[in-house]
Protein backbone atom coordinates (compact mmCIF):
# COMPACT_ATOMS: atom_id res chain seq x y z
CA MET A 1 0.00 0.00 0.00
CA SER A 2 1.44 3.41 -0.97
CA ALA A 3 2.24 5.95 1.71
CA LYS A 4 -0.34 8.67 2.31
CA PHE A 5 0.49 12.09 3.68
CA TYR A 6 -1.26 14.86 5.57
CA LEU A 7 -0.92 18.11 3.59
CA GLY A 8 -2.90 20.44 5.84
CA PRO A 9 -6.47 21.03 7.11
CA GLY A 10 -9.24 20.64 4.56
CA ARG A 11 -7.03 18.49 2.34
CA PRO A 12 -7.51 14.73 2.05
CA LEU A 13 -4.79 12.24 2.87
CA THR A 14 -2.77 12.12 -0.33
CA SER A 15 -0.55 9.45 -1.84
CA LEU A 16 2.74 10.75 -3.25
CA SER A 17 4.36 7.53 -4.43
CA THR A 18 4.38 8.06 -8.22
CA TRP A 19 5.02 10.96 -10.61
CA ASP A 20 1.38 10.97 -11.69
CA GLU A 21 0.22 11.20 -8.06
CA VAL A 22 2.51 14.16 -7.39
CA GLN A 23 1.38 15.85 -10.60
CA LEU A 24 -2.28 15.29 -9.74
CA ALA A 25 -1.81 16.66 -6.22
CA GLY A 26 -0.06 19.75 -7.58
CA SER A 27 -2.58 20.49 -10.32
CA GLY A 28 -5.43 19.93 -7.86
CA GLY A 29 -4.13 22.54 -5.45
CA LEU A 30 -3.28 20.04 -2.73
CA LEU A 31 0.51 20.33 -2.92
CA GLY A 32 1.25 23.92 -1.99
CA GLU A 33 3.56 25.40 0.63
CA ASN A 34 1.93 25.92 4.01
CA GLN A 35 2.53 25.14 7.67
CA TRP A 36 2.91 21.42 6.90
CA VAL A 37 4.63 21.43 3.49
CA GLU A 38 7.89 22.91 2.19
CA LEU A 39 8.64 22.55 -1.54
CA LYS A 40 12.06 22.85 -3.18
CA LYS A 41 12.92 22.71 -6.86
CA ASP A 42 16.43 21.56 -5.88
CA LEU A 43 18.65 21.67 -2.80
CA GLY A 44 21.62 23.60 -4.12
CA PRO A 45 25.37 23.29 -3.53
CA ALA A 46 26.76 21.66 -0.40
CA ASN A 47 27.92 24.79 1.41
CA ALA A 48 27.32 26.22 4.87
CA GLY A 49 24.57 28.60 3.78
CA VAL A 50 22.50 25.98 1.97
CA ASN A 51 22.94 23.44 4.77
CA THR A 52 21.85 25.98 7.39
CA GLU A 53 18.74 26.79 5.39
CA LEU A 54 18.00 23.05 5.09
CA ALA A 55 18.42 22.67 8.86
CA ARG A 56 15.94 25.51 9.44
CA ASP A 57 13.40 23.84 7.14
CA LEU A 58 13.69 20.54 8.99
CA ALA A 59 13.57 22.12 12.44
CA SER A 60 10.53 24.23 11.57
CA LEU A 61 8.56 21.23 10.28
CA SER A 62 9.31 19.20 13.42
CA VAL A 63 6.97 21.22 15.66
CA ASP A 64 3.75 19.87 14.12
CA GLY A 65 5.20 17.46 11.58
CA GLY A 66 5.26 17.90 7.82
CA LEU A 67 6.87 17.22 4.45
CA LEU A 68 9.95 18.56 2.70
CA VAL A 69 9.67 17.72 -1.01
CA PHE A 70 12.55 18.07 -3.46
CA GLY A 71 11.98 18.28 -7.21
CA VAL A 72 8.74 20.29 -7.05
CA THR A 73 8.33 24.01 -7.72
CA ASP A 74 6.61 26.42 -5.33
CA ASP A 75 3.33 26.12 -7.24
CA GLY A 76 3.29 22.31 -6.89
CA THR A 77 4.58 21.42 -10.37
CA PRO A 78 6.81 18.31 -10.40
CA VAL A 79 10.05 18.89 -12.33
CA GLY A 80 12.49 16.52 -10.66
CA CYS A 81 16.12 17.06 -9.75
CA ASN A 82 19.26 15.05 -9.09
CA THR A 83 18.47 13.64 -5.64
CA ALA A 84 21.36 11.13 -5.54
CA SER A 85 23.14 12.93 -2.70
CA ILE A 86 20.23 14.85 -1.19
CA GLY A 87 19.14 12.04 1.10
CA THR A 88 22.61 11.75 2.62
CA ARG A 89 22.83 15.52 3.13
CA VAL A 90 19.39 15.64 4.75
CA SER A 91 20.36 12.89 7.20
CA GLN A 92 23.69 14.53 8.02
CA VAL A 93 22.23 18.00 8.53
CA ALA A 94 19.40 16.58 10.66
CA ALA A 95 21.91 14.77 12.87
CA MET A 96 24.65 17.41 13.11
CA GLY A 97 23.13 20.81 12.30
CA ILE A 98 20.08 20.76 14.57
CA THR A 99 19.80 20.72 18.36
CA PRO A 100 18.45 18.29 19.51
CA ALA A 101 19.10 16.11 16.45
CA LEU A 102 16.22 14.98 14.23
CA SER A 103 15.49 11.71 12.42
CA PRO A 104 13.49 12.50 9.26
CA VAL A 105 12.03 9.68 7.16
CA LEU A 106 13.29 9.49 3.56
CA HIS A 107 10.91 7.80 1.15
CA ALA A 108 11.93 6.05 -2.05
CA PRO A 109 12.80 8.53 -4.85
CA ILE A 110 10.08 8.96 -7.47
CA PRO A 111 11.55 8.65 -10.99
CA HIS A 112 10.92 11.22 -13.72
CA PRO A 113 8.89 9.54 -16.51
CA GLU A 114 11.25 10.84 -19.24
CA ASP A 115 14.56 11.84 -17.65
CA PRO A 116 16.35 9.05 -15.71
CA THR A 117 18.70 11.59 -14.09
CA LYS A 118 15.86 13.30 -12.22
CA THR A 119 13.64 12.19 -9.35
CA ILE A 120 11.39 13.60 -6.65
CA LEU A 121 12.34 12.98 -3.02
CA VAL A 122 9.72 13.15 -0.25
CA VAL A 123 11.15 13.66 3.24
CA ALA A 124 8.70 13.24 6.11
CA VAL A 125 9.54 15.11 9.32
CA PRO A 126 7.57 13.61 12.22
CA PRO A 127 6.35 15.89 15.02
CA SER A 128 9.09 15.85 17.62
CA PRO A 129 8.53 14.85 21.25
CA VAL A 130 11.54 16.95 22.29
CA GLY A 131 10.85 20.07 20.19
CA PRO A 132 11.22 22.87 19.43
CA HIS A 133 14.59 22.48 17.75
CA MET A 134 17.39 25.02 17.46
CA VAL A 135 19.47 26.01 14.43
CA ASP A 136 22.20 28.64 14.59
CA GLY A 137 21.14 29.77 18.07
CA ARG A 138 17.40 30.18 17.32
CA TYR A 139 14.34 27.97 17.64
CA TRP A 140 12.25 27.45 14.50
CA GLY A 141 8.58 26.84 13.79
CA ARG A 142 6.15 27.50 10.97
CA SER A 143 3.17 29.58 9.96
CA SER A 144 1.04 29.54 6.82
CA ASP A 145 3.81 31.51 5.08
CA GLY A 146 6.56 29.01 5.88
CA LYS A 147 9.32 28.80 8.47
CA ARG A 148 9.91 31.49 11.08
CA THR A 149 11.75 31.97 14.36
CA LEU A 150 9.77 31.30 17.53
CA SER A 151 9.33 33.90 20.24
CA ASP A 152 10.30 33.20 23.87
CA PRO A 153 6.64 32.80 24.98
CA GLU A 154 6.02 30.33 22.13
CA ILE A 155 9.09 28.31 23.10
CA ARG A 156 8.02 28.13 26.75
CA ARG A 157 4.47 27.16 25.76
CA ILE A 158 5.66 24.30 23.52
CA MET A 159 8.05 22.96 26.15
CA ASP A 160 5.42 23.18 28.90
CA GLN A 161 2.93 21.34 26.69
CA ARG A 162 5.45 18.54 26.05
CA ALA A 163 6.06 18.07 29.78
CA GLU A 164 2.34 18.13 30.55
CA GLN A 165 1.61 15.57 27.84
CA VAL A 166 4.16 13.11 29.21
CA GLY A 167 2.79 13.35 32.75
CA ALA A 168 -0.82 13.17 31.60
CA PHE A 169 -0.14 10.06 29.50
CA GLU A 170 1.46 8.17 32.37
CA GLN A 171 -1.43 9.14 34.63
CA ARG A 172 -4.00 7.94 32.08
CA LEU A 173 -2.06 4.69 31.75
CA ARG A 174 -2.15 4.03 35.51
CA GLU A 175 -5.84 4.95 35.75
CA LEU A 176 -6.99 2.48 33.08
CA PRO A 177 -8.00 -0.18 35.67
CA ASP A 178 -10.61 2.28 36.99
CA ARG A 179 -12.39 2.14 33.60
CA ASP A 180 -11.73 -1.48 32.71
CA PRO A 181 -14.12 -2.53 29.90
CA LEU A 182 -13.74 -6.23 30.82
CA ILE A 183 -15.34 -5.97 34.25
CA PRO A 184 -18.95 -6.20 32.92
CA LEU A 185 -17.96 -9.39 31.06
CA ILE A 186 -16.81 -11.29 34.17
CA ALA A 187 -19.57 -13.35 35.83
CA GLY A 188 -18.25 -13.01 39.34
CA GLN A 189 -15.51 -11.03 41.04
CA GLN A 190 -12.35 -10.12 39.13
CA SER A 191 -9.40 -12.09 40.45
CA ASN A 192 -6.80 -11.97 37.67
CA GLY A 193 -4.33 -9.25 37.01
CA HIS A 194 -5.10 -7.45 33.77
CA VAL A 195 -2.83 -5.98 31.09
CA TYR A 196 -3.48 -2.51 29.63
CA LEU A 197 -1.77 -1.25 26.48
CA LEU A 198 -2.26 2.37 25.42
CA ALA A 199 -0.82 4.37 22.50
CA GLU A 200 -1.36 8.04 21.71
CA PRO A 201 0.08 10.08 18.81
CA VAL A 202 2.64 12.66 19.96
CA ALA A 203 1.00 15.22 17.67
CA ALA A 204 -2.71 15.71 17.27
CA MET A 205 -4.06 13.13 14.84
CA PRO A 206 -5.29 15.09 11.80
CA VAL A 207 -7.56 12.39 10.33
CA THR A 208 -8.53 8.94 11.58
CA ASN A 209 -11.15 7.75 9.07
CA LEU A 210 -11.51 4.36 10.72
CA ALA A 211 -15.01 3.61 9.36
CA GLY A 212 -16.33 2.14 12.62
CA THR A 213 -16.05 -1.43 13.85
CA GLU A 214 -15.80 -2.81 10.31
CA GLY A 215 -12.73 -0.67 9.71
CA LEU A 216 -11.22 -1.93 12.97
CA ARG A 217 -12.09 -5.53 12.07
CA SER A 218 -10.32 -5.05 8.73
CA ALA A 219 -7.23 -3.65 10.48
CA LEU A 220 -7.06 -6.76 12.68
CA HIS A 221 -6.84 -9.13 9.69
CA GLY A 222 -3.09 -8.79 9.33
CA VAL A 223 -2.05 -9.37 12.94
CA SER A 224 0.14 -12.30 13.91
CA ARG A 225 -1.79 -15.41 14.88
CA SER A 226 -1.94 -16.04 18.58
CA GLY A 227 -0.83 -19.37 20.03
CA TRP A 228 -3.38 -18.83 22.77
CA ALA A 229 -7.14 -19.29 22.62
CA THR A 230 -7.41 -15.52 22.73
CA GLY A 231 -5.71 -12.48 21.21
CA LEU A 232 -6.61 -9.63 18.90
CA ASP A 233 -7.03 -12.11 16.05
CA SER A 234 -9.92 -13.58 18.10
CA CYS A 235 -11.66 -10.25 18.77
CA THR A 236 -14.69 -10.65 16.50
CA SER A 237 -17.57 -9.47 18.70
CA ASN A 238 -18.77 -5.88 18.56
CA ALA A 239 -18.12 -4.02 21.80
CA HIS A 240 -19.32 -0.70 23.16
CA ASP A 241 -17.09 2.36 23.32
CA PRO A 242 -18.66 5.85 23.25
CA GLU A 243 -15.28 7.33 22.29
CA GLY A 244 -14.62 5.18 19.22
CA ALA A 245 -14.85 1.69 17.70
CA ALA A 246 -14.26 -1.48 19.73
CA LEU A 247 -14.18 -5.25 19.36
CA ALA A 248 -13.89 -7.96 22.00
CA TRP A 249 -13.21 -11.69 22.36
CA SER A 250 -16.75 -12.12 23.70
CA SER A 251 -19.81 -9.93 24.02
CA GLN A 252 -21.31 -12.19 26.70
CA PRO A 253 -20.17 -12.60 30.32
CA VAL A 254 -17.85 -15.51 31.06
CA GLU A 255 -17.15 -17.34 34.30
CA ALA A 256 -14.35 -15.93 36.43
CA ARG A 257 -12.22 -19.04 35.72
CA ASP A 258 -12.19 -18.01 32.04
CA GLU A 259 -11.34 -14.39 32.74
CA HIS A 260 -7.87 -14.72 31.21
CA TRP A 261 -9.37 -15.30 27.75
CA LEU A 262 -11.12 -11.93 27.68
CA THR A 263 -9.55 -9.43 25.28
CA TYR A 264 -10.73 -5.98 24.17
CA VAL A 265 -9.40 -3.56 21.54
CA SER A 266 -10.58 -0.02 20.92
CA VAL A 267 -9.58 2.81 18.58
CA LYS A 268 -10.67 6.21 19.83
CA ASP A 269 -11.81 9.01 17.57
CA ASP A 270 -8.67 11.02 18.45
CA GLY A 271 -6.34 8.19 17.36
CA ARG A 272 -5.64 6.50 20.71
CA VAL A 273 -5.40 2.71 20.51
CA LEU A 274 -6.26 0.68 23.63
CA VAL A 275 -5.96 -3.05 24.29
CA VAL A 276 -7.08 -4.71 27.52
CA GLY A 277 -6.41 -8.37 28.35
CA GLY A 278 -7.84 -10.32 31.26
CA GLY A 279 -4.82 -12.60 31.59
CA ALA A 280 -1.84 -10.71 32.99
CA THR A 281 -2.12 -13.32 35.73
CA ALA A 282 -4.28 -16.40 36.23
CA GLU A 283 -4.63 -19.52 38.32
CA TRP A 284 -2.76 -22.21 36.42
CA THR A 285 -2.48 -25.97 36.60
CA GLY A 286 1.11 -26.89 35.96
CA PRO A 287 3.91 -29.23 37.03
CA ARG A 288 3.69 -28.17 40.67
CA PRO A 289 1.70 -30.12 43.28
CA ALA A 290 -1.20 -27.65 43.37
CA ASP A 291 -2.83 -24.99 41.27
CA HIS A 292 -1.13 -21.63 41.68
CA GLU A 293 -1.36 -18.09 40.36
CA VAL A 294 1.19 -17.16 37.71
CA VAL A 295 2.09 -14.31 35.39
CA LEU A 296 1.09 -15.16 31.82
CA HIS A 297 4.00 -13.30 30.25
CA GLY A 298 3.58 -15.24 27.00
CA LEU A 299 0.05 -13.90 26.62
CA ILE A 300 1.19 -10.40 27.63
CA ALA A 301 3.90 -10.55 24.94
CA THR A 302 1.41 -11.80 22.34
CA LEU A 303 -1.04 -8.97 23.01
CA THR A 304 1.75 -6.39 23.00
CA VAL A 305 3.08 -7.48 19.59
CA GLN A 306 -0.41 -7.66 18.08
CA TRP A 307 -1.27 -4.20 19.45
CA ILE A 308 1.87 -2.73 17.85
CA GLU A 309 1.04 -4.42 14.53
CA VAL A 310 -2.48 -2.95 14.54
CA LEU A 311 -1.11 0.45 15.51
CA ARG A 312 1.35 0.37 12.61
CA GLU A 313 -1.36 -0.69 10.13
CA LEU A 314 -3.67 2.12 11.23
CA ALA A 315 -1.04 4.87 11.48
CA LEU A 316 1.06 4.22 8.40
CA ASN A 317 -1.37 2.68 5.93
CA ARG A 318 -4.73 4.22 6.85
CA TRP A 319 -4.11 7.54 8.58
CA GLY A 320 -0.93 8.81 6.95
CA TYR A 321 0.55 9.59 10.37
CA GLN A 322 4.31 8.97 10.39
CA GLY A 323 5.06 10.73 13.65
CA GLU A 324 6.08 9.25 16.96
CA TRP A 325 3.81 7.65 19.53
CA ARG A 326 3.58 7.57 23.28
CA MET A 327 3.24 3.89 24.08
CA GLY A 328 2.72 2.29 27.45
CA ILE A 329 1.89 -0.93 29.29
CA HIS A 330 0.38 -1.37 32.75
CA CYS A 331 -0.03 -4.85 34.31
CA THR A 332 -1.75 -5.37 37.65
CA ASN A 333 -1.81 -7.90 40.52
CA LEU A 334 1.69 -9.29 39.90
CA MET A 335 3.08 -9.27 43.44
CA GLY A 336 4.55 -12.60 44.58
CA LYS A 337 3.75 -14.50 41.37
CA THR A 338 6.16 -16.50 39.24
CA ALA A 339 6.15 -16.86 35.47
CA GLN A 340 3.94 -19.44 33.81
CA THR A 341 6.61 -21.88 32.61
CA ASN A 342 4.81 -23.95 29.98
CA GLY A 343 7.49 -24.53 27.34
CA LEU A 344 9.90 -21.94 28.75
CA ARG A 345 12.91 -22.36 31.05
CA ALA A 346 11.52 -22.44 34.60
CA SER A 347 12.21 -19.61 37.01
CA GLU A 348 11.31 -19.49 40.70
CA VAL A 349 11.72 -15.72 40.89
CA ARG A 350 8.61 -13.97 42.23
CA PHE A 351 7.66 -10.54 40.99
CA LYS A 352 8.39 -8.02 43.73
CA GLU A 353 6.00 -5.20 42.82
CA PRO A 354 2.19 -5.10 42.71
CA ASP A 355 2.15 -3.63 39.19
CA TYR A 356 4.41 -3.23 36.18
CA THR A 357 4.28 0.04 34.25
CA ARG A 358 6.48 1.19 31.37
CA ALA A 359 6.03 4.09 28.95
CA MET A 360 8.15 5.24 26.03
CA VAL A 361 8.08 7.40 22.91
CA SER A 362 8.87 5.70 19.61
CA SER A 363 8.41 5.83 15.86
CA LEU A 364 6.72 2.88 14.18
CA MET A 365 8.73 3.27 10.98
CA ALA A 366 11.98 1.42 11.56
CA LYS A 367 11.73 -1.31 14.18
CA GLU A 368 9.92 -4.64 14.07
CA ALA A 369 6.99 -5.10 16.43
CA THR A 370 8.94 -7.59 18.55
CA LEU A 371 11.80 -5.12 19.04
CA LEU A 372 9.41 -2.38 20.14
CA ALA A 373 7.81 -4.90 22.48
CA ASP A 374 11.25 -5.66 23.96
CA ASN A 375 11.57 -2.03 25.06
CA LEU A 376 8.23 -2.20 26.84
CA LEU A 377 8.59 -5.68 28.36
CA ALA A 378 12.28 -6.02 29.29
CA GLY A 379 11.57 -4.97 32.89
CA LEU A 380 8.74 -7.49 33.18
CA TYR A 381 10.95 -10.34 31.96
CA ARG A 382 13.73 -9.26 34.31
CA GLY A 383 11.35 -9.12 37.26
CA LEU A 384 10.33 -12.71 36.54
CA GLY A 385 13.92 -13.98 36.40
CA TYR A 386 14.39 -13.90 32.63
CA GLU A 387 17.23 -11.38 32.41
CA GLY A 388 18.17 -10.68 28.80
CA TRP A 389 15.29 -12.61 27.26
CA THR A 390 13.60 -11.17 24.18
CA THR A 391 9.98 -11.15 23.13
CA THR A 392 10.85 -13.47 20.23
CA GLN A 393 12.22 -16.02 22.70
CA VAL A 394 9.18 -15.70 24.93
CA LEU A 395 6.78 -16.20 22.01
CA ARG A 396 8.71 -19.23 20.77
CA GLY A 397 8.63 -20.65 24.30
CA ARG A 398 4.87 -20.60 24.11
């Protein structure tokens, strides 16, 4: 599926993967310079002045996210240019000419239909979680007329907003058990620990366009198959969520002994993606003399990977959002429990905290879902005696 980009309010998500698509966007008035788009016919020679100007462009786009497009004139006409070295220069300037450094996303060059020496290069600059960014002693942002320096009050406001957003996300993550959507589906009193996975876009999501529960059901089709009797691939029942679209493993209450099979996934209208699983812990019959409560870290890992896969499908292929995400996990009722050891090297280590919480900011562009899951779950594995284990190993152990 071709990449789709946000070009500003009132403009549809637009694919810019071929010359014809760029030409159509330009002639239709979609591809014009504004707060989210900077167009350049060419980059120019590799000297200090040109590189500083490039750094300012990148830094200015990082506040809200946007595109830097080479080989297109100011009026949106595609002409192409020699982009052979532009990608390298963009990466170098972003890393060395901007404070803090940036990591723009370079898309595959778009070939000119008649001139093999010319291409168009689309560079996506995700909204930065550590912005604003400084070039040559000044912070840069954008207005409808293009890049501009930011005033001191604007800089303070942006930095205060970033700090508030981080604290608010972690608070929302820890408060998820108070609004647990699985509780009405448990016929009896909740006894298991639950796992909560929450992702929010760092920048405001411009367009979601999920198309309700059917759109969510379609997004779940590509997730990895679960080795358990539950998982996002088994969420086929419509569920209620006044803030968005939701699906669940079951729409009918289940006995408390089956609580660990319950799974719920919701996509909010503002782009948040929530997964709740009823099996962070469960009573388990295993090789020991009696039934005992264990941490189902294999199920936790499965849900985490599937959640990341759905998030990537929605963000990159359906919403055109290539920015970073705040991602977090919160598992409850872990104190004193060992890992469920079915198929995995046994460990007698008991988890020493009542809950496990981990939050991070990450792009979805580069890393595999299992590697992103490693960042979220490494502390959980360590707390269960599996120092250095990876999510891939845990899933194979299942």
